[in-house]
Amino acid sequence: MGIFVITYKSERYVRHYYQALRLQLVIKTAYISLVFLFAVMIITITRIYLSLHQLTAINI
């Protein structure tokens, strides 16, 4: 009986650990994608700004 309780407890702990790990992985993935999106946005804005700047420079 005592052994059964110990195995049950450890099993539950492992399940919680895996859930926490999965959650951490999801958060990490979301964070990485967010940073990537932010970087792409900055690059795009910079490129648009530079192209507009070149156009205005040519016009002047």
N, C-alpha and C. Protein backbone atom coordinates (compact mmCIF):
# COMPACT_ATOMS: atom_id res chain seq x y z
N MET A 1 0.84 -1.21 0.00
CA MET A 1 0.00 0.00 0.00
C MET A 1 0.88 1.26 0.00
N GLY A 2 1.90 1.25 0.82
CA GLY A 2 2.79 2.41 0.90
C GLY A 2 3.51 2.66 -0.41
N ILE A 3 3.93 1.59 -1.06
CA ILE A 3 4.64 1.71 -2.34
C ILE A 3 3.71 2.32 -3.38
N PHE A 4 2.46 1.89 -3.39
CA PHE A 4 1.47 2.39 -4.35
C PHE A 4 1.31 3.91 -4.20
N VAL A 5 1.23 4.37 -2.96
CA VAL A 5 1.07 5.80 -2.69
C VAL A 5 2.28 6.57 -3.22
N ILE A 6 3.47 6.04 -2.97
CA ILE A 6 4.70 6.70 -3.42
C ILE A 6 4.73 6.81 -4.94
N THR A 7 4.41 5.71 -5.63
CA THR A 7 4.43 5.74 -7.09
C THR A 7 3.38 6.71 -7.62
N TYR A 8 2.21 6.72 -6.99
CA TYR A 8 1.14 7.62 -7.42
C TYR A 8 1.58 9.08 -7.27
N LYS A 9 2.19 9.37 -6.12
CA LYS A 9 2.66 10.74 -5.87
C LYS A 9 3.70 11.15 -6.91
N SER A 10 4.68 10.29 -7.15
CA SER A 10 5.75 10.61 -8.10
C SER A 10 5.17 10.79 -9.50
N GLU A 11 4.19 9.95 -9.84
CA GLU A 11 3.57 10.04 -11.16
C GLU A 11 2.88 11.39 -11.32
N ARG A 12 2.16 11.79 -10.28
CA ARG A 12 1.46 13.07 -10.32
C ARG A 12 2.48 14.22 -10.42
N TYR A 13 3.58 14.09 -9.70
CA TYR A 13 4.63 15.12 -9.72
C TYR A 13 5.23 15.23 -11.12
N VAL A 14 5.48 14.07 -11.72
CA VAL A 14 6.04 14.06 -13.08
C VAL A 14 5.09 14.72 -14.05
N ARG A 15 3.80 14.43 -13.90
CA ARG A 15 2.79 15.03 -14.79
C ARG A 15 2.79 16.54 -14.64
N HIS A 16 2.83 17.01 -13.40
CA HIS A 16 2.86 18.46 -13.15
C HIS A 16 4.12 19.08 -13.75
N TYR A 17 5.23 18.34 -13.60
CA TYR A 17 6.51 18.82 -14.12
C TYR A 17 6.45 18.97 -15.63
N TYR A 18 5.86 17.95 -16.28
CA TYR A 18 5.75 18.00 -17.73
C TYR A 18 4.85 19.15 -18.17
N GLN A 19 3.75 19.36 -17.44
CA GLN A 19 2.84 20.46 -17.77
C GLN A 19 3.55 21.80 -17.65
N ALA A 20 4.32 21.95 -16.57
CA ALA A 20 5.06 23.19 -16.35
C ALA A 20 6.09 23.40 -17.45
N LEU A 21 6.75 22.31 -17.83
CA LEU A 21 7.76 22.36 -18.88
C LEU A 21 7.13 22.78 -20.20
N ARG A 22 5.97 22.19 -20.50
CA ARG A 22 5.27 22.50 -21.74
C ARG A 22 4.85 23.97 -21.75
N LEU A 23 4.35 24.44 -20.62
CA LEU A 23 3.92 25.83 -20.50
C LEU A 23 5.10 26.77 -20.72
N GLN A 24 6.25 26.40 -20.11
CA GLN A 24 7.46 27.21 -20.26
C GLN A 24 7.88 27.25 -21.72
N LEU A 25 7.78 26.11 -22.38
CA LEU A 25 8.16 26.01 -23.79
C LEU A 25 7.26 26.90 -24.64
N VAL A 26 5.96 26.86 -24.36
CA VAL A 26 4.99 27.68 -25.10
C VAL A 26 5.29 29.16 -24.90
N ILE A 27 5.55 29.55 -23.65
CA ILE A 27 5.86 30.95 -23.34
C ILE A 27 7.13 31.38 -24.07
N LYS A 28 8.14 30.48 -24.04
CA LYS A 28 9.41 30.79 -24.70
C LYS A 28 9.21 30.96 -26.20
N THR A 29 8.44 30.05 -26.79
CA THR A 29 8.17 30.11 -28.23
C THR A 29 7.43 31.39 -28.59
N ALA A 30 6.42 31.73 -27.78
CA ALA A 30 5.64 32.95 -28.01
C ALA A 30 6.54 34.18 -27.89
N TYR A 31 7.42 34.16 -26.90
CA TYR A 31 8.34 35.28 -26.68
C TYR A 31 9.28 35.45 -27.87
N ILE A 32 9.82 34.32 -28.35
CA ILE A 32 10.75 34.36 -29.49
C ILE A 32 10.03 34.90 -30.73
N SER A 33 8.81 34.41 -30.96
CA SER A 33 8.06 34.86 -32.14
C SER A 33 7.72 36.35 -32.02
N LEU A 34 7.43 36.79 -30.80
CA LEU A 34 7.12 38.20 -30.57
C LEU A 34 8.33 39.06 -30.87
N VAL A 35 9.49 38.65 -30.37
CA VAL A 35 10.73 39.38 -30.62
C VAL A 35 11.03 39.42 -32.11
N PHE A 36 10.82 38.27 -32.78
CA PHE A 36 11.06 38.17 -34.22
C PHE A 36 10.15 39.13 -34.97
N LEU A 37 8.87 39.16 -34.60
CA LEU A 37 7.90 40.06 -35.22
C LEU A 37 8.32 41.51 -35.02
N PHE A 38 8.75 41.83 -33.82
CA PHE A 38 9.18 43.18 -33.48
C PHE A 38 10.37 43.58 -34.35
N ALA A 39 11.33 42.67 -34.51
CA ALA A 39 12.51 42.93 -35.33
C ALA A 39 12.12 43.16 -36.78
N VAL A 40 11.23 42.32 -37.29
CA VAL A 40 10.77 42.46 -38.68
C VAL A 40 10.08 43.80 -38.87
N MET A 41 9.26 44.18 -37.88
CA MET A 41 8.55 45.46 -37.95
C MET A 41 9.54 46.62 -38.01
N ILE A 42 10.55 46.58 -37.15
CA ILE A 42 11.55 47.65 -37.13
C ILE A 42 12.29 47.72 -38.45
N ILE A 43 12.68 46.55 -38.98
CA ILE A 43 13.40 46.51 -40.27
C ILE A 43 12.52 47.09 -41.38
N THR A 44 11.25 46.69 -41.39
CA THR A 44 10.33 47.16 -42.42
C THR A 44 10.15 48.68 -42.34
N ILE A 45 9.95 49.18 -41.13
CA ILE A 45 9.77 50.62 -40.93
C ILE A 45 11.02 51.37 -41.38
N THR A 46 12.18 50.83 -41.02
CA THR A 46 13.45 51.46 -41.41
C THR A 46 13.59 51.51 -42.92
N ARG A 47 13.24 50.39 -43.56
CA ARG A 47 13.36 50.33 -45.02
C ARG A 47 12.40 51.32 -45.69
N ILE A 48 11.18 51.40 -45.18
CA ILE A 48 10.20 52.34 -45.74
C ILE A 48 10.70 53.77 -45.55
N TYR A 49 11.20 54.05 -44.34
CA TYR A 49 11.71 55.39 -44.04
C TYR A 49 12.86 55.77 -44.96
N LEU A 50 13.78 54.82 -45.16
CA LEU A 50 14.94 55.07 -46.02
C LEU A 50 14.51 55.29 -47.47
N SER A 51 13.56 54.48 -47.93
CA SER A 51 13.10 54.63 -49.32
C SER A 51 12.40 55.98 -49.50
N LEU A 52 11.59 56.37 -48.52
CA LEU A 52 10.91 57.66 -48.58
C LEU A 52 11.94 58.79 -48.55
N HIS A 53 12.94 58.62 -47.70
CA HIS A 53 14.00 59.61 -47.58
C HIS A 53 14.74 59.78 -48.92
N GLN A 54 15.01 58.67 -49.57
CA GLN A 54 15.68 58.71 -50.87
C GLN A 54 14.80 59.41 -51.91
N LEU A 55 13.50 59.11 -51.87
CA LEU A 55 12.57 59.73 -52.82
C LEU A 55 12.53 61.24 -52.62
N THR A 56 12.44 61.67 -51.37
CA THR A 56 12.38 63.11 -51.09
C THR A 56 13.70 63.77 -51.47
N ALA A 57 14.81 63.06 -51.23
CA ALA A 57 16.12 63.60 -51.58
C ALA A 57 16.23 63.79 -53.09
N ILE A 58 15.68 62.85 -53.84
CA ILE A 58 15.72 62.94 -55.30
C ILE A 58 14.84 64.11 -55.76
N ASN A 59 13.68 64.24 -55.14
CA ASN A 59 12.75 65.30 -55.52
C ASN A 59 13.34 66.68 -55.24
N ILE A 60 14.05 66.81 -54.15
CA ILE A 60 14.66 68.10 -53.79
C ILE A 60 15.89 68.28 -54.67
